[in-house]
Amino acid sequence: MKKIDTLLLVFACITSMGFAQKPKKAEKKKETVEIRLDDMCSSCVNKINSYIAFEKGVTALDINQERSSVNVTYWANRTDTTQLRKAFTKVKMNIEEMKMVDETKEDGEVKK
């Protein structure tokens, strides 16, 4: 009788540990947004590299000073476009336009 009780107790512990595990989170997704600014000088580029690059979730910056635009790649589960907009206004940069960049290449293949 004692062996059956012990066996049931072990079985209950093992099954409860299985249910206590966390479910898998949704797949992490990177997004890229193109931000057009009013004007961009060399000090603006320094501000972007110093402040925007260290915003939560930002993984890459592609700055085009001639077009006054910045492509920001970020983790979608860590930040969003409203947080990026707030970060740019915090460093006193006016955003003219903000649009999502398509994740496909010219030949139709999906970027990885």
PDB file of N, CA and C in Angstrom:
ATOM      1  N   MET A   1       0.814  -1.186   0.000  1.00  0.00           N
ATOM      2  CA  MET A   1       0.000   0.000   0.000  1.00  0.00           C
ATOM      3  C   MET A   1       0.861   1.256   0.000  1.00  0.00           C
ATOM      4  N   LYS A   2       1.966   1.177   0.752  1.00  0.00           N
ATOM      5  CA  LYS A   2       2.858   2.321   0.841  1.00  0.00           C
ATOM      6  C   LYS A   2       3.517   2.595  -0.510  1.00  0.00           C
ATOM      7  N   LYS A   3       3.812   1.546  -1.249  1.00  0.00           N
ATOM      8  CA  LYS A   3       4.435   1.714  -2.570  1.00  0.00           C
ATOM      9  C   LYS A   3       3.473   2.382  -3.547  1.00  0.00           C
ATOM     10  N   ILE A   4       2.214   2.054  -3.471  1.00  0.00           N
ATOM     11  CA  ILE A   4       1.218   2.653  -4.361  1.00  0.00           C
ATOM     12  C   ILE A   4       1.068   4.136  -4.057  1.00  0.00           C
ATOM     13  N   ASP A   5       1.045   4.481  -2.761  1.00  0.00           N
ATOM     14  CA  ASP A   5       0.947   5.893  -2.376  1.00  0.00           C
ATOM     15  C   ASP A   5       2.155   6.683  -2.879  1.00  0.00           C
ATOM     16  N   THR A   6       3.329   6.114  -2.737  1.00  0.00           N
ATOM     17  CA  THR A   6       4.550   6.777  -3.199  1.00  0.00           C
ATOM     18  C   THR A   6       4.537   6.929  -4.713  1.00  0.00           C
ATOM     19  N   LEU A   7       4.095   5.899  -5.401  1.00  0.00           N
ATOM     20  CA  LEU A   7       4.022   5.942  -6.856  1.00  0.00           C
ATOM     21  C   LEU A   7       3.039   7.012  -7.324  1.00  0.00           C
ATOM     22  N   LEU A   8       1.896   7.125  -6.683  1.00  0.00           N
ATOM     23  CA  LEU A   8       0.917   8.156  -7.029  1.00  0.00           C
ATOM     24  C   LEU A   8       1.460   9.559  -6.746  1.00  0.00           C
ATOM     25  N   LEU A   9       2.189   9.714  -5.652  1.00  0.00           N
ATOM     26  CA  LEU A   9       2.776  11.005  -5.311  1.00  0.00           C
ATOM     27  C   LEU A   9       3.816  11.422  -6.353  1.00  0.00           C
ATOM     28  N   VAL A  10       4.661  10.507  -6.776  1.00  0.00           N
ATOM     29  CA  VAL A  10       5.666  10.793  -7.804  1.00  0.00           C
ATOM     30  C   VAL A  10       4.976  11.138  -9.120  1.00  0.00           C
ATOM     31  N   PHE A  11       3.958  10.403  -9.491  1.00  0.00           N
ATOM     32  CA  PHE A  11       3.219  10.671 -10.725  1.00  0.00           C
ATOM     33  C   PHE A  11       2.571  12.056 -10.688  1.00  0.00           C
ATOM     34  N   ALA A  12       1.998  12.424  -9.547  1.00  0.00           N
ATOM     35  CA  ALA A  12       1.367  13.743  -9.409  1.00  0.00           C
ATOM     36  C   ALA A  12       2.400  14.864  -9.532  1.00  0.00           C
ATOM     37  N   CYS A  13       3.567  14.676  -8.950  1.00  0.00           N
ATOM     38  CA  CYS A  13       4.629  15.697  -9.041  1.00  0.00           C
ATOM     39  C   CYS A  13       5.110  15.866 -10.478  1.00  0.00           C
ATOM     40  N   ILE A  14       5.284  14.776 -11.178  1.00  0.00           N
ATOM     41  CA  ILE A  14       5.779  14.844 -12.559  1.00  0.00           C
ATOM     42  C   ILE A  14       4.761  15.524 -13.465  1.00  0.00           C
ATOM     43  N   THR A  15       3.492  15.191 -13.322  1.00  0.00           N
ATOM     44  CA  THR A  15       2.483  15.815 -14.183  1.00  0.00           C
ATOM     45  C   THR A  15       2.289  17.288 -13.845  1.00  0.00           C
ATOM     46  N   SER A  16       2.405  17.654 -12.575  1.00  0.00           N
ATOM     47  CA  SER A  16       2.249  19.072 -12.217  1.00  0.00           C
ATOM     48  C   SER A  16       3.410  19.901 -12.753  1.00  0.00           C
ATOM     49  N   MET A  17       4.608  19.332 -12.817  1.00  0.00           N
ATOM     50  CA  MET A  17       5.743  20.062 -13.393  1.00  0.00           C
ATOM     51  C   MET A  17       5.550  20.265 -14.890  1.00  0.00           C
ATOM     52  N   GLY A  18       4.934  19.325 -15.550  1.00  0.00           N
ATOM     53  CA  GLY A  18       4.667  19.460 -16.980  1.00  0.00           C
ATOM     54  C   GLY A  18       3.682  20.573 -17.276  1.00  0.00           C
ATOM     55  N   PHE A  19       2.670  20.731 -16.431  1.00  0.00           N
ATOM     56  CA  PHE A  19       1.688  21.797 -16.628  1.00  0.00           C
ATOM     57  C   PHE A  19       2.215  23.156 -16.192  1.00  0.00           C
ATOM     58  N   ALA A  20       3.221  23.190 -15.354  1.00  0.00           N
ATOM     59  CA  ALA A  20       3.751  24.455 -14.847  1.00  0.00           C
ATOM     60  C   ALA A  20       4.685  25.141 -15.841  1.00  0.00           C
ATOM     61  N   GLN A  21       5.097  24.443 -16.884  1.00  0.00           N
ATOM     62  CA  GLN A  21       5.992  25.054 -17.861  1.00  0.00           C
ATOM     63  C   GLN A  21       5.270  26.147 -18.623  1.00  0.00           C
ATOM     64  N   LYS A  22       6.027  27.180 -18.978  1.00  0.00           N
ATOM     65  CA  LYS A  22       5.462  28.303 -19.722  1.00  0.00           C
ATOM     66  C   LYS A  22       5.247  27.903 -21.179  1.00  0.00           C
ATOM     67  N   PRO A  23       4.174  28.373 -21.775  1.00  0.00           N
ATOM     68  CA  PRO A  23       3.992  28.096 -23.208  1.00  0.00           C
ATOM     69  C   PRO A  23       5.010  28.890 -24.021  1.00  0.00           C
ATOM     70  N   LYS A  24       5.305  28.408 -25.205  1.00  0.00           N
ATOM     71  CA  LYS A  24       6.263  29.099 -26.062  1.00  0.00           C
ATOM     72  C   LYS A  24       5.709  30.446 -26.478  1.00  0.00           C
ATOM     73  N   LYS A  25       6.584  31.428 -26.499  1.00  0.00           N
ATOM     74  CA  LYS A  25       6.177  32.772 -26.905  1.00  0.00           C
ATOM     75  C   LYS A  25       6.034  32.831 -28.418  1.00  0.00           C
ATOM     76  N   ALA A  26       5.346  33.858 -28.858  1.00  0.00           N
ATOM     77  CA  ALA A  26       5.195  34.060 -30.298  1.00  0.00           C
ATOM     78  C   ALA A  26       6.566  34.328 -30.912  1.00  0.00           C
ATOM     79  N   GLU A  27       6.699  34.004 -32.159  1.00  0.00           N
ATOM     80  CA  GLU A  27       7.968  34.168 -32.852  1.00  0.00           C
ATOM     81  C   GLU A  27       8.361  35.641 -32.908  1.00  0.00           C
ATOM     82  N   LYS A  28       9.623  35.903 -32.622  1.00  0.00           N
ATOM     83  CA  LYS A  28      10.111  37.274 -32.677  1.00  0.00           C
ATOM     84  C   LYS A  28      10.189  37.709 -34.132  1.00  0.00           C
ATOM     85  N   LYS A  29       9.832  38.958 -34.372  1.00  0.00           N
ATOM     86  CA  LYS A  29       9.778  39.449 -35.740  1.00  0.00           C
ATOM     87  C   LYS A  29      10.473  40.801 -35.819  1.00  0.00           C
ATOM     88  N   LYS A  30      11.332  40.934 -36.808  1.00  0.00           N
ATOM     89  CA  LYS A  30      11.981  42.215 -37.054  1.00  0.00           C
ATOM     90  C   LYS A  30      11.192  42.977 -38.107  1.00  0.00           C
ATOM     91  N   GLU A  31      11.062  44.279 -37.888  1.00  0.00           N
ATOM     92  CA  GLU A  31      10.404  45.148 -38.857  1.00  0.00           C
ATOM     93  C   GLU A  31      11.338  46.307 -39.170  1.00  0.00           C
ATOM     94  N   THR A  32      11.161  46.873 -40.356  1.00  0.00           N
ATOM     95  CA  THR A  32      11.958  48.020 -40.776  1.00  0.00           C
ATOM     96  C   THR A  32      11.022  49.142 -41.175  1.00  0.00           C
ATOM     97  N   VAL A  33      11.335  50.337 -40.702  1.00  0.00           N
ATOM     98  CA  VAL A  33      10.540  51.510 -41.024  1.00  0.00           C
ATOM     99  C   VAL A  33      11.473  52.581 -41.591  1.00  0.00           C
ATOM    100  N   GLU A  34      11.000  53.257 -42.647  1.00  0.00           N
ATOM    101  CA  GLU A  34      11.765  54.361 -43.225  1.00  0.00           C
ATOM    102  C   GLU A  34      11.206  55.658 -42.657  1.00  0.00           C
ATOM    103  N   ILE A  35      12.091  56.466 -42.090  1.00  0.00           N
ATOM    104  CA  ILE A  35      11.694  57.728 -41.475  1.00  0.00           C
ATOM    105  C   ILE A  35      12.347  58.856 -42.251  1.00  0.00           C
ATOM    106  N   ARG A  36      11.518  59.747 -42.790  1.00  0.00           N
ATOM    107  CA  ARG A  36      12.023  60.929 -43.493  1.00  0.00           C
ATOM    108  C   ARG A  36      11.968  62.107 -42.537  1.00  0.00           C
ATOM    109  N   LEU A  37      13.086  62.816 -42.436  1.00  0.00           N
ATOM    110  CA  LEU A  37      13.199  63.946 -41.520  1.00  0.00           C
ATOM    111  C   LEU A  37      13.158  65.256 -42.290  1.00  0.00           C
ATOM    112  N   ASP A  38      12.858  66.362 -41.579  1.00  0.00           N
ATOM    113  CA  ASP A  38      12.829  67.685 -42.207  1.00  0.00           C
ATOM    114  C   ASP A  38      14.177  68.029 -42.819  1.00  0.00           C
ATOM    115  N   ASP A  39      15.201  67.914 -42.030  1.00  0.00           N
ATOM    116  CA  ASP A  39      16.545  68.267 -42.476  1.00  0.00           C
ATOM    117  C   ASP A  39      17.520  67.405 -41.691  1.00  0.00           C
ATOM    118  N   MET A  40      18.666  67.095 -42.301  1.00  0.00           N
ATOM    119  CA  MET A  40      19.637  66.263 -41.615  1.00  0.00           C
ATOM    120  C   MET A  40      21.039  66.806 -41.852  1.00  0.00           C
ATOM    121  N   CYS A  41      21.689  67.204 -40.771  1.00  0.00           N
ATOM    122  CA  CYS A  41      23.068  67.685 -40.842  1.00  0.00           C
ATOM    123  C   CYS A  41      23.973  66.652 -40.168  1.00  0.00           C
ATOM    124  N   SER A  42      25.249  66.959 -40.080  1.00  0.00           N
ATOM    125  CA  SER A  42      26.173  65.996 -39.479  1.00  0.00           C
ATOM    126  C   SER A  42      25.917  65.820 -37.980  1.00  0.00           C
ATOM    127  N   SER A  43      25.482  66.884 -37.304  1.00  0.00           N
ATOM    128  CA  SER A  43      25.170  66.725 -35.878  1.00  0.00           C
ATOM    129  C   SER A  43      23.905  65.888 -35.689  1.00  0.00           C
ATOM    130  N   CYS A  44      22.986  65.963 -36.651  1.00  0.00           N
ATOM    131  CA  CYS A  44      21.786  65.116 -36.596  1.00  0.00           C
ATOM    132  C   CYS A  44      22.166  63.641 -36.733  1.00  0.00           C
ATOM    133  N   VAL A  45      23.115  63.362 -37.609  1.00  0.00           N
ATOM    134  CA  VAL A  45      23.587  61.990 -37.782  1.00  0.00           C
ATOM    135  C   VAL A  45      24.212  61.500 -36.480  1.00  0.00           C
ATOM    136  N   ASN A  46      24.977  62.370 -35.815  1.00  0.00           N
ATOM    137  CA  ASN A  46      25.579  61.997 -34.535  1.00  0.00           C
ATOM    138  C   ASN A  46      24.512  61.734 -33.475  1.00  0.00           C
ATOM    139  N   LYS A  47      23.446  62.551 -33.464  1.00  0.00           N
ATOM    140  CA  LYS A  47      22.353  62.338 -32.513  1.00  0.00           C
ATOM    141  C   LYS A  47      21.678  60.992 -32.754  1.00  0.00           C
ATOM    142  N   ILE A  48      21.449  60.687 -34.027  1.00  0.00           N
ATOM    143  CA  ILE A  48      20.791  59.418 -34.356  1.00  0.00           C
ATOM    144  C   ILE A  48      21.656  58.250 -33.908  1.00  0.00           C
ATOM    145  N   ASN A  49      22.949  58.324 -34.204  1.00  0.00           N
ATOM    146  CA  ASN A  49      23.856  57.248 -33.808  1.00  0.00           C
ATOM    147  C   ASN A  49      24.012  57.155 -32.296  1.00  0.00           C
ATOM    148  N   SER A  50      23.903  58.280 -31.601  1.00  0.00           N
ATOM    149  CA  SER A  50      24.105  58.285 -30.150  1.00  0.00           C
ATOM    150  C   SER A  50      22.858  57.891 -29.372  1.00  0.00           C
ATOM    151  N   TYR A  51      21.681  58.325 -29.826  1.00  0.00           N
ATOM    152  CA  TYR A  51      20.470  58.123 -29.040  1.00  0.00           C
ATOM    153  C   TYR A  51      19.525  57.077 -29.622  1.00  0.00           C
ATOM    154  N   ILE A  52      19.212  57.196 -30.897  1.00  0.00           N
ATOM    155  CA  ILE A  52      18.214  56.301 -31.494  1.00  0.00           C
ATOM    156  C   ILE A  52      18.745  54.870 -31.570  1.00  0.00           C
ATOM    157  N   ALA A  53      20.035  54.717 -31.808  1.00  0.00           N
ATOM    158  CA  ALA A  53      20.615  53.379 -31.910  1.00  0.00           C
ATOM    159  C   ALA A  53      20.480  52.597 -30.607  1.00  0.00           C
ATOM    160  N   PHE A  54      20.357  53.293 -29.490  1.00  0.00           N
ATOM    161  CA  PHE A  54      20.272  52.625 -28.195  1.00  0.00           C
ATOM    162  C   PHE A  54      18.858  52.584 -27.633  1.00  0.00           C
ATOM    163  N   GLU A  55      17.871  52.900 -28.454  1.00  0.00           N
ATOM    164  CA  GLU A  55      16.481  52.743 -28.025  1.00  0.00           C
ATOM    165  C   GLU A  55      16.176  51.254 -27.892  1.00  0.00           C
ATOM    166  N   LYS A  56      15.272  50.945 -27.004  1.00  0.00           N
ATOM    167  CA  LYS A  56      14.915  49.555 -26.742  1.00  0.00           C
ATOM    168  C   LYS A  56      14.354  48.898 -28.004  1.00  0.00           C
ATOM    169  N   GLY A  57      14.951  47.777 -28.413  1.00  0.00           N
ATOM    170  CA  GLY A  57      14.458  47.020 -29.551  1.00  0.00           C
ATOM    171  C   GLY A  57      15.096  47.356 -30.885  1.00  0.00           C
ATOM    172  N   VAL A  58      15.806  48.480 -30.994  1.00  0.00           N
ATOM    173  CA  VAL A  58      16.416  48.878 -32.265  1.00  0.00           C
ATOM    174  C   VAL A  58      17.643  48.007 -32.514  1.00  0.00           C
ATOM    175  N   THR A  59      17.714  47.409 -33.713  1.00  0.00           N
ATOM    176  CA  THR A  59      18.826  46.517 -34.032  1.00  0.00           C
ATOM    177  C   THR A  59      19.745  47.064 -35.113  1.00  0.00           C
ATOM    178  N   ALA A  60      19.234  47.927 -35.997  1.00  0.00           N
ATOM    179  CA  ALA A  60      20.075  48.440 -37.082  1.00  0.00           C
ATOM    180  C   ALA A  60      19.561  49.788 -37.556  1.00  0.00           C
ATOM    181  N   LEU A  61      20.505  50.616 -38.007  1.00  0.00           N
ATOM    182  CA  LEU A  61      20.191  51.923 -38.583  1.00  0.00           C
ATOM    183  C   LEU A  61      20.876  52.037 -39.931  1.00  0.00           C
ATOM    184  N   ASP A  62      20.174  52.590 -40.907  1.00  0.00           N
ATOM    185  CA  ASP A  62      20.747  52.877 -42.217  1.00  0.00           C
ATOM    186  C   ASP A  62      20.434  54.339 -42.509  1.00  0.00           C
ATOM    187  N   ILE A  63      21.438  55.196 -42.372  1.00  0.00           N
ATOM    188  CA  ILE A  63      21.243  56.640 -42.491  1.00  0.00           C
ATOM    189  C   ILE A  63      21.631  57.088 -43.890  1.00  0.00           C
ATOM    190  N   ASN A  64      20.731  57.830 -44.556  1.00  0.00           N
ATOM    191  CA  ASN A  64      20.983  58.403 -45.869  1.00  0.00           C
ATOM    192  C   ASN A  64      20.842  59.918 -45.732  1.00  0.00           C
ATOM    193  N   GLN A  65      21.987  60.591 -45.621  1.00  0.00           N
ATOM    194  CA  GLN A  65      21.971  62.025 -45.351  1.00  0.00           C
ATOM    195  C   GLN A  65      21.482  62.828 -46.554  1.00  0.00           C
ATOM    196  N   GLU A  66      21.740  62.363 -47.772  1.00  0.00           N
ATOM    197  CA  GLU A  66      21.306  63.094 -48.965  1.00  0.00           C
ATOM    198  C   GLU A  66      19.783  63.136 -49.062  1.00  0.00           C
ATOM    199  N   ARG A  67      19.126  62.036 -48.730  1.00  0.00           N
ATOM    200  CA  ARG A  67      17.662  61.969 -48.795  1.00  0.00           C
ATOM    201  C   ARG A  67      17.001  62.376 -47.482  1.00  0.00           C
ATOM    202  N   SER A  68      17.786  62.655 -46.466  1.00  0.00           N
ATOM    203  CA  SER A  68      17.288  62.977 -45.118  1.00  0.00           C
ATOM    204  C   SER A  68      16.370  61.871 -44.603  1.00  0.00           C
ATOM    205  N   SER A  69      16.833  60.639 -44.732  1.00  0.00           N
ATOM    206  CA  SER A  69      16.019  59.508 -44.279  1.00  0.00           C
ATOM    207  C   SER A  69      16.860  58.536 -43.457  1.00  0.00           C
ATOM    208  N   VAL A  70      16.160  57.793 -42.621  1.00  0.00           N
ATOM    209  CA  VAL A  70      16.782  56.783 -41.772  1.00  0.00           C
ATOM    210  C   VAL A  70      15.921  55.529 -41.845  1.00  0.00           C
ATOM    211  N   ASN A  71      16.532  54.399 -42.146  1.00  0.00           N
ATOM    212  CA  ASN A  71      15.841  53.113 -42.067  1.00  0.00           C
ATOM    213  C   ASN A  71      16.186  52.497 -40.717  1.00  0.00           C
ATOM    214  N   VAL A  72      15.177  52.264 -39.911  1.00  0.00           N
ATOM    215  CA  VAL A  72      15.359  51.715 -38.574  1.00  0.00           C
ATOM    216  C   VAL A  72      14.791  50.303 -38.554  1.00  0.00           C
ATOM    217  N   THR A  73      15.631  49.334 -38.207  1.00  0.00           N
ATOM    218  CA  THR A  73      15.195  47.952 -38.052  1.00  0.00           C
ATOM    219  C   THR A  73      15.081  47.671 -36.558  1.00  0.00           C
ATOM    220  N   TYR A  74      13.956  47.071 -36.153  1.00  0.00           N
ATOM    221  CA  TYR A  74      13.709  46.869 -34.724  1.00  0.00           C
ATOM    222  C   TYR A  74      12.912  45.587 -34.509  1.00  0.00           C
ATOM    223  N   TRP A  75      12.955  45.101 -33.269  1.00  0.00           N
ATOM    224  CA  TRP A  75      12.153  43.949 -32.877  1.00  0.00           C
ATOM    225  C   TRP A  75      10.746  44.436 -32.599  1.00  0.00           C
ATOM    226  N   ALA A  76       9.773  43.866 -33.281  1.00  0.00           N
ATOM    227  CA  ALA A  76       8.381  44.308 -33.154  1.00  0.00           C
ATOM    228  C   ALA A  76       7.800  44.020 -31.774  1.00  0.00           C
ATOM    229  N   ASN A  77       8.321  43.027 -31.084  1.00  0.00           N
ATOM    230  CA  ASN A  77       7.798  42.725 -29.753  1.00  0.00           C
ATOM    231  C   ASN A  77       8.434  43.597 -28.669  1.00  0.00           C
ATOM    232  N   ARG A  78       9.442  44.397 -29.021  1.00  0.00           N
ATOM    233  CA  ARG A  78      10.112  45.250 -28.037  1.00  0.00           C
ATOM    234  C   ARG A  78       9.748  46.722 -28.169  1.00  0.00           C
ATOM    235  N   THR A  79       9.449  47.181 -29.374  1.00  0.00           N
ATOM    236  CA  THR A  79       9.098  48.581 -29.589  1.00  0.00           C
ATOM    237  C   THR A  79       8.155  48.684 -30.778  1.00  0.00           C
ATOM    238  N   ASP A  80       7.679  49.886 -31.044  1.00  0.00           N
ATOM    239  CA  ASP A  80       6.803  50.102 -32.194  1.00  0.00           C
ATOM    240  C   ASP A  80       7.051  51.503 -32.751  1.00  0.00           C
ATOM    241  N   THR A  81       6.290  51.857 -33.775  1.00  0.00           N
ATOM    242  CA  THR A  81       6.541  53.131 -34.456  1.00  0.00           C
ATOM    243  C   THR A  81       6.221  54.331 -33.574  1.00  0.00           C
ATOM    244  N   THR A  82       5.274  54.208 -32.669  1.00  0.00           N
ATOM    245  CA  THR A  82       4.982  55.342 -31.785  1.00  0.00           C
ATOM    246  C   THR A  82       6.134  55.600 -30.823  1.00  0.00           C
ATOM    247  N   GLN A  83       6.772  54.542 -30.344  1.00  0.00           N
ATOM    248  CA  GLN A  83       7.931  54.718 -29.465  1.00  0.00           C
ATOM    249  C   GLN A  83       9.106  55.322 -30.230  1.00  0.00           C
ATOM    250  N   LEU A  84       9.279  54.911 -31.495  1.00  0.00           N
ATOM    251  CA  LEU A  84      10.348  55.495 -32.307  1.00  0.00           C
ATOM    252  C   LEU A  84      10.074  56.968 -32.579  1.00  0.00           C
ATOM    253  N   ARG A  85       8.823  57.300 -32.836  1.00  0.00           N
ATOM    254  CA  ARG A  85       8.449  58.703 -33.062  1.00  0.00           C
ATOM    255  C   ARG A  85       8.748  59.542 -31.816  1.00  0.00           C
ATOM    256  N   LYS A  86       8.431  59.008 -30.644  1.00  0.00           N
ATOM    257  CA  LYS A  86       8.736  59.708 -29.391  1.00  0.00           C
ATOM    258  C   LYS A  86      10.239  59.889 -29.209  1.00  0.00           C
ATOM    259  N   ALA A  87      11.020  58.890 -29.600  1.00  0.00           N
ATOM    260  CA  ALA A  87      12.473  58.983 -29.462  1.00  0.00           C
ATOM    261  C   ALA A  87      13.037  60.076 -30.364  1.00  0.00           C
ATOM    262  N   PHE A  88      12.509  60.199 -31.585  1.00  0.00           N
ATOM    263  CA  PHE A  88      12.982  61.249 -32.488  1.00  0.00           C
ATOM    264  C   PHE A  88      12.566  62.631 -31.993  1.00  0.00           C
ATOM    265  N   THR A  89      11.362  62.760 -31.448  1.00  0.00           N
ATOM    266  CA  THR A  89      10.949  64.067 -30.931  1.00  0.00           C
ATOM    267  C   THR A  89      11.715  64.423 -29.660  1.00  0.00           C
ATOM    268  N   LYS A  90      12.152  63.421 -28.919  1.00  0.00           N
ATOM    269  CA  LYS A  90      12.937  63.671 -27.712  1.00  0.00           C
ATOM    270  C   LYS A  90      14.275  64.333 -28.046  1.00  0.00           C
ATOM    271  N   VAL A  91      14.857  63.974 -29.194  1.00  0.00           N
ATOM    272  CA  VAL A  91      16.125  64.589 -29.614  1.00  0.00           C
ATOM    273  C   VAL A  91      15.888  65.751 -30.570  1.00  0.00           C
ATOM    274  N   LYS A  92      14.635  66.253 -30.592  1.00  0.00           N
ATOM    275  CA  LYS A  92      14.246  67.455 -31.343  1.00  0.00           C
ATOM    276  C   LYS A  92      14.458  67.319 -32.850  1.00  0.00           C
ATOM    277  N   MET A  93      13.999  66.198 -33.398  1.00  0.00           N
ATOM    278  CA  MET A  93      14.034  65.972 -34.838  1.00  0.00           C
ATOM    279  C   MET A  93      12.601  65.815 -35.326  1.00  0.00           C
ATOM    280  N   ASN A  94      12.245  66.597 -36.346  1.00  0.00           N
ATOM    281  CA  ASN A  94      10.885  66.568 -36.882  1.00  0.00           C
ATOM    282  C   ASN A  94      10.763  65.513 -37.971  1.00  0.00           C
ATOM    283  N   ILE A  95       9.772  64.659 -37.834  1.00  0.00           N
ATOM    284  CA  ILE A  95       9.531  63.590 -38.804  1.00  0.00           C
ATOM    285  C   ILE A  95       8.519  64.076 -39.822  1.00  0.00           C
ATOM    286  N   GLU A  96       8.902  64.011 -41.104  1.00  0.00           N
ATOM    287  CA  GLU A  96       7.972  64.350 -42.185  1.00  0.00           C
ATOM    288  C   GLU A  96       7.081  63.165 -42.526  1.00  0.00           C
ATOM    289  N   GLU A  97       7.706  62.002 -42.671  1.00  0.00           N
ATOM    290  CA  GLU A  97       6.973  60.816 -43.128  1.00  0.00           C
ATOM    291  C   GLU A  97       7.575  59.587 -42.477  1.00  0.00           C
ATOM    292  N   MET A  98       6.705  58.629 -42.157  1.00  0.00           N
ATOM    293  CA  MET A  98       7.148  57.364 -41.587  1.00  0.00           C
ATOM    294  C   MET A  98       6.376  56.257 -42.284  1.00  0.00           C
ATOM    295  N   LYS A  99       7.097  55.325 -42.938  1.00  0.00           N
ATOM    296  CA  LYS A  99       6.404  54.229 -43.627  1.00  0.00           C
ATOM    297  C   LYS A  99       7.180  52.934 -43.454  1.00  0.00           C
ATOM    298  N   MET A 100       6.444  51.838 -43.447  1.00  0.00           N
ATOM    299  CA  MET A 100       7.045  50.521 -43.306  1.00  0.00           C
ATOM    300  C   MET A 100       7.743  50.143 -44.605  1.00  0.00           C
ATOM    301  N   VAL A 101       8.899  49.502 -44.478  1.00  0.00           N
ATOM    302  CA  VAL A 101       9.662  49.049 -45.635  1.00  0.00           C
ATOM    303  C   VAL A 101       9.265  47.612 -45.916  1.00  0.00           C
ATOM    304  N   ASP A 102       9.015  47.305 -47.188  1.00  0.00           N
ATOM    305  CA  ASP A 102       8.636  45.959 -47.595  1.00  0.00           C
ATOM    306  C   ASP A 102       9.810  45.022 -47.364  1.00  0.00           C
ATOM    307  N   GLU A 103       9.531  43.843 -46.849  1.00  0.00           N
ATOM    308  CA  GLU A 103      10.577  42.878 -46.520  1.00  0.00           C
ATOM    309  C   GLU A 103      10.939  41.961 -47.690  1.00  0.00           C
ATOM    310  N   THR A 104      10.581  42.324 -48.920  1.00  0.00           N
ATOM    311  CA  THR A 104      10.927  41.494 -50.068  1.00  0.00           C
ATOM    312  C   THR A 104      11.924  42.211 -50.946  1.00  0.00           C
ATOM    313  N   LYS A 105      12.781  41.435 -51.572  1.00  0.00           N
ATOM    314  CA  LYS A 105      13.754  41.989 -52.507  1.00  0.00           C
ATOM    315  C   LYS A 105      13.084  42.224 -53.853  1.00  0.00           C
ATOM    316  N   GLU A 106      13.843  42.803 -54.792  1.00  0.00           N
ATOM    317  CA  GLU A 106      13.291  43.078 -56.118  1.00  0.00           C
ATOM    318  C   GLU A 106      12.914  41.807 -56.865  1.00  0.00           C
ATOM    319  N   ASP A 107      13.657  40.712 -56.658  1.00  0.00           N
ATOM    320  CA  ASP A 107      13.382  39.484 -57.398  1.00  0.00           C
ATOM    321  C   ASP A 107      12.278  38.637 -56.751  1.00  0.00           C
ATOM    322  N   GLY A 108      11.644  39.149 -55.699  1.00  0.00           N
ATOM    323  CA  GLY A 108      10.518  38.458 -55.102  1.00  0.00           C
ATOM    324  C   GLY A 108      10.856  37.556 -53.935  1.00  0.00           C
ATOM    325  N   GLU A 109      12.147  37.345 -53.645  1.00  0.00           N
ATOM    326  CA  GLU A 109      12.520  36.503 -52.518  1.00  0.00           C
ATOM    327  C   GLU A 109      12.350  37.281 -51.219  1.00  0.00           C
ATOM    328  N   VAL A 110      12.040  36.559 -50.181  1.00  0.00           N
ATOM    329  CA  VAL A 110      11.879  37.188 -48.871  1.00  0.00           C
ATOM    330  C   VAL A 110      13.245  37.307 -48.216  1.00  0.00           C
ATOM    331  N   LYS A 111      13.504  38.488 -47.611  1.00  0.00           N
ATOM    332  CA  LYS A 111      14.768  38.687 -46.901  1.00  0.00           C
ATOM    333  C   LYS A 111      14.804  37.811 -45.665  1.00  0.00           C
ATOM    334  N   LYS A 112      16.010  37.425 -45.270  1.00  0.00           N
ATOM    335  CA  LYS A 112      16.177  36.640 -44.036  1.00  0.00           C
ATOM    336  C   LYS A 112      17.028  37.398 -43.070  1.00  0.00           C
TER     337      LYS A 112
END
